[in-house]
PDB file of N, CA and C in Angstrom:
ATOM      1  N   MET A   1      26.150  17.318   0.786  1.00  0.00           N
ATOM      2  CA  MET A   1      25.242  17.186  -0.356  1.00  0.00           C
ATOM      3  C   MET A   1      24.113  18.200  -0.215  1.00  0.00           C
ATOM      4  N   GLU A   2      23.830  18.872  -1.294  1.00  0.00           N
ATOM      5  CA  GLU A   2      22.827  19.931  -1.275  1.00  0.00           C
ATOM      6  C   GLU A   2      21.476  19.414  -1.762  1.00  0.00           C
ATOM      7  N   ILE A   3      20.441  19.713  -1.003  1.00  0.00           N
ATOM      8  CA  ILE A   3      19.095  19.321  -1.409  1.00  0.00           C
ATOM      9  C   ILE A   3      18.460  20.483  -2.158  1.00  0.00           C
ATOM     10  N   THR A   4      18.095  20.229  -3.399  1.00  0.00           N
ATOM     11  CA  THR A   4      17.517  21.292  -4.220  1.00  0.00           C
ATOM     12  C   THR A   4      15.993  21.221  -4.190  1.00  0.00           C
ATOM     13  N   VAL A   5      15.372  22.274  -4.740  1.00  0.00           N
ATOM     14  CA  VAL A   5      13.908  22.300  -4.827  1.00  0.00           C
ATOM     15  C   VAL A   5      13.415  21.122  -5.657  1.00  0.00           C
ATOM     16  N   LEU A   6      14.173  20.785  -6.704  1.00  0.00           N
ATOM     17  CA  LEU A   6      13.793  19.668  -7.566  1.00  0.00           C
ATOM     18  C   LEU A   6      13.765  18.368  -6.773  1.00  0.00           C
ATOM     19  N   ASP A   7      14.786  18.166  -5.942  1.00  0.00           N
ATOM     20  CA  ASP A   7      14.829  16.966  -5.109  1.00  0.00           C
ATOM     21  C   ASP A   7      13.582  16.864  -4.245  1.00  0.00           C
ATOM     22  N   ILE A   8      13.197  17.981  -3.645  1.00  0.00           N
ATOM     23  CA  ILE A   8      12.029  17.993  -2.767  1.00  0.00           C
ATOM     24  C   ILE A   8      10.768  17.665  -3.557  1.00  0.00           C
ATOM     25  N   GLN A   9      10.658  18.213  -4.768  1.00  0.00           N
ATOM     26  CA  GLN A   9       9.491  17.928  -5.610  1.00  0.00           C
ATOM     27  C   GLN A   9       9.431  16.448  -5.969  1.00  0.00           C
ATOM     28  N   ILE A  10      10.590  15.872  -6.291  1.00  0.00           N
ATOM     29  CA  ILE A  10      10.652  14.449  -6.639  1.00  0.00           C
ATOM     30  C   ILE A  10      10.237  13.606  -5.435  1.00  0.00           C
ATOM     31  N   LEU A  11      10.754  13.964  -4.264  1.00  0.00           N
ATOM     32  CA  LEU A  11      10.418  13.216  -3.055  1.00  0.00           C
ATOM     33  C   LEU A  11       8.925  13.295  -2.759  1.00  0.00           C
ATOM     34  N   LYS A  12       8.345  14.475  -2.936  1.00  0.00           N
ATOM     35  CA  LYS A  12       6.907  14.637  -2.698  1.00  0.00           C
ATOM     36  C   LYS A  12       6.104  13.785  -3.672  1.00  0.00           C
ATOM     37  N   ALA A  13       6.519  13.776  -4.935  1.00  0.00           N
ATOM     38  CA  ALA A  13       5.822  12.979  -5.946  1.00  0.00           C
ATOM     39  C   ALA A  13       5.931  11.497  -5.610  1.00  0.00           C
ATOM     40  N   LEU A  14       7.121  11.059  -5.222  1.00  0.00           N
ATOM     41  CA  LEU A  14       7.330   9.662  -4.842  1.00  0.00           C
ATOM     42  C   LEU A  14       6.435   9.287  -3.671  1.00  0.00           C
ATOM     43  N   HIS A  15       6.382  10.173  -2.686  1.00  0.00           N
ATOM     44  CA  HIS A  15       5.572   9.924  -1.498  1.00  0.00           C
ATOM     45  C   HIS A  15       4.106   9.729  -1.882  1.00  0.00           C
ATOM     46  N   ARG A  16       3.612  10.578  -2.793  1.00  0.00           N
ATOM     47  CA  ARG A  16       2.228  10.448  -3.266  1.00  0.00           C
ATOM     48  C   ARG A  16       2.020   9.113  -3.960  1.00  0.00           C
ATOM     49  N   GLU A  17       2.964   8.735  -4.815  1.00  0.00           N
ATOM     50  CA  GLU A  17       2.857   7.466  -5.535  1.00  0.00           C
ATOM     51  C   GLU A  17       2.781   6.301  -4.555  1.00  0.00           C
ATOM     52  N   VAL A  18       3.660   6.327  -3.572  1.00  0.00           N
ATOM     53  CA  VAL A  18       3.705   5.236  -2.590  1.00  0.00           C
ATOM     54  C   VAL A  18       2.379   5.150  -1.840  1.00  0.00           C
ATOM     55  N   LYS A  19       1.831   6.313  -1.480  1.00  0.00           N
ATOM     56  CA  LYS A  19       0.553   6.311  -0.759  1.00  0.00           C
ATOM     57  C   LYS A  19      -0.551   5.730  -1.625  1.00  0.00           C
ATOM     58  N   GLU A  20      -0.581   6.109  -2.905  1.00  0.00           N
ATOM     59  CA  GLU A  20      -1.607   5.598  -3.816  1.00  0.00           C
ATOM     60  C   GLU A  20      -1.478   4.089  -3.983  1.00  0.00           C
ATOM     61  N   VAL A  21      -0.247   3.614  -4.142  1.00  0.00           N
ATOM     62  CA  VAL A  21      -0.018   2.181  -4.337  1.00  0.00           C
ATOM     63  C   VAL A  21      -0.435   1.404  -3.092  1.00  0.00           C
ATOM     64  N   SER A  22      -0.077   1.920  -1.916  1.00  0.00           N
ATOM     65  CA  SER A  22      -0.428   1.194  -0.697  1.00  0.00           C
ATOM     66  C   SER A  22      -1.939   1.172  -0.494  1.00  0.00           C
ATOM     67  N   LEU A  23      -2.625   2.243  -0.909  1.00  0.00           N
ATOM     68  CA  LEU A  23      -4.090   2.244  -0.841  1.00  0.00           C
ATOM     69  C   LEU A  23      -4.670   1.199  -1.787  1.00  0.00           C
ATOM     70  N   LEU A  24      -4.105   1.119  -2.988  1.00  0.00           N
ATOM     71  CA  LEU A  24      -4.563   0.129  -3.962  1.00  0.00           C
ATOM     72  C   LEU A  24      -4.390  -1.281  -3.419  1.00  0.00           C
ATOM     73  N   ILE A  25      -3.227  -1.537  -2.829  1.00  0.00           N
ATOM     74  CA  ILE A  25      -2.951  -2.865  -2.278  1.00  0.00           C
ATOM     75  C   ILE A  25      -3.945  -3.184  -1.167  1.00  0.00           C
ATOM     76  N   LYS A  26      -4.228  -2.185  -0.315  1.00  0.00           N
ATOM     77  CA  LYS A  26      -5.211  -2.394   0.755  1.00  0.00           C
ATOM     78  C   LYS A  26      -6.560  -2.763   0.173  1.00  0.00           C
ATOM     79  N   GLU A  27      -6.982  -2.044  -0.866  1.00  0.00           N
ATOM     80  CA  GLU A  27      -8.277  -2.321  -1.484  1.00  0.00           C
ATOM     81  C   GLU A  27      -8.303  -3.710  -2.108  1.00  0.00           C
ATOM     82  N   MET A  28      -7.190  -4.101  -2.728  1.00  0.00           N
ATOM     83  CA  MET A  28      -7.136  -5.398  -3.395  1.00  0.00           C
ATOM     84  C   MET A  28      -7.110  -6.549  -2.396  1.00  0.00           C
ATOM     85  N   THR A  29      -6.424  -6.352  -1.272  1.00  0.00           N
ATOM     86  CA  THR A  29      -6.273  -7.452  -0.321  1.00  0.00           C
ATOM     87  C   THR A  29      -7.427  -7.522   0.671  1.00  0.00           C
ATOM     88  N   ALA A  30      -8.240  -6.465   0.759  1.00  0.00           N
ATOM     89  CA  ALA A  30      -9.343  -6.446   1.726  1.00  0.00           C
ATOM     90  C   ALA A  30     -10.290  -7.641   1.567  1.00  0.00           C
ATOM     91  N   PRO A  31     -10.740  -7.961   0.337  1.00  0.00           N
ATOM     92  CA  PRO A  31     -11.649  -9.115   0.193  1.00  0.00           C
ATOM     93  C   PRO A  31     -11.019 -10.420   0.660  1.00  0.00           C
ATOM     94  N   TYR A  32      -9.728 -10.611   0.372  1.00  0.00           N
ATOM     95  CA  TYR A  32      -9.057 -11.837   0.784  1.00  0.00           C
ATOM     96  C   TYR A  32      -8.964 -11.916   2.300  1.00  0.00           C
ATOM     97  N   LYS A  33      -8.669 -10.776   2.935  1.00  0.00           N
ATOM     98  CA  LYS A  33      -8.582 -10.755   4.389  1.00  0.00           C
ATOM     99  C   LYS A  33      -9.939 -11.062   5.005  1.00  0.00           C
ATOM    100  N   ALA A  34     -11.006 -10.542   4.394  1.00  0.00           N
ATOM    101  CA  ALA A  34     -12.355 -10.820   4.893  1.00  0.00           C
ATOM    102  C   ALA A  34     -12.668 -12.306   4.760  1.00  0.00           C
ATOM    103  N   LEU A  35     -12.278 -12.904   3.637  1.00  0.00           N
ATOM    104  CA  LEU A  35     -12.506 -14.334   3.428  1.00  0.00           C
ATOM    105  C   LEU A  35     -11.745 -15.159   4.455  1.00  0.00           C
ATOM    106  N   GLN A  36     -10.502 -14.767   4.704  1.00  0.00           N
ATOM    107  CA  GLN A  36      -9.693 -15.509   5.665  1.00  0.00           C
ATOM    108  C   GLN A  36     -10.310 -15.438   7.055  1.00  0.00           C
ATOM    109  N   ARG A  37     -10.889 -14.275   7.395  1.00  0.00           N
ATOM    110  CA  ARG A  37     -11.513 -14.139   8.699  1.00  0.00           C
ATOM    111  C   ARG A  37     -12.723 -15.061   8.805  1.00  0.00           C
ATOM    112  N   LYS A  38     -13.499 -15.154   7.718  1.00  0.00           N
ATOM    113  CA  LYS A  38     -14.685 -16.018   7.721  1.00  0.00           C
ATOM    114  C   LYS A  38     -14.291 -17.481   7.879  1.00  0.00           C
ATOM    115  N   HIS A  39     -13.223 -17.875   7.230  1.00  0.00           N
ATOM    116  CA  HIS A  39     -12.815 -19.278   7.215  1.00  0.00           C
ATOM    117  C   HIS A  39     -11.643 -19.550   8.144  1.00  0.00           C
ATOM    118  N   SER A  40     -11.429 -18.677   9.115  1.00  0.00           N
ATOM    119  CA  SER A  40     -10.245 -18.831   9.963  1.00  0.00           C
ATOM    120  C   SER A  40     -10.322 -20.099  10.802  1.00  0.00           C
ATOM    121  N   SER A  41     -11.549 -20.592  11.077  1.00  0.00           N
ATOM    122  CA  SER A  41     -11.682 -21.797  11.892  1.00  0.00           C
ATOM    123  C   SER A  41     -11.267 -23.036  11.099  1.00  0.00           C
ATOM    124  N   THR A  42     -11.446 -22.997   9.772  1.00  0.00           N
ATOM    125  CA  THR A  42     -11.058 -24.138   8.950  1.00  0.00           C
ATOM    126  C   THR A  42      -9.656 -23.917   8.399  1.00  0.00           C
ATOM    127  N   PRO A  43      -8.803 -24.925   8.491  1.00  0.00           N
ATOM    128  CA  PRO A  43      -7.431 -24.773   7.968  1.00  0.00           C
ATOM    129  C   PRO A  43      -7.442 -24.646   6.451  1.00  0.00           C
ATOM    130  N   LEU A  44      -6.556 -23.805   5.933  1.00  0.00           N
ATOM    131  CA  LEU A  44      -6.480 -23.596   4.491  1.00  0.00           C
ATOM    132  C   LEU A  44      -5.496 -24.584   3.873  1.00  0.00           C
ATOM    133  N   TYR A  45      -6.003 -25.501   3.053  1.00  0.00           N
ATOM    134  CA  TYR A  45      -5.126 -26.442   2.366  1.00  0.00           C
ATOM    135  C   TYR A  45      -5.178 -26.215   0.872  1.00  0.00           C
TER     136      TYR A  45
END
């Protein structure tokens, strides 16, 4: 199977998208993780 320049461009674009999404998820989950750390002594029901 031959890898073309287009394939490489698509892969690079995908890689960027994945990085952006994972950064977004980190930003979104950060407050929840901080809350869990504060309340880690009390069980979550």
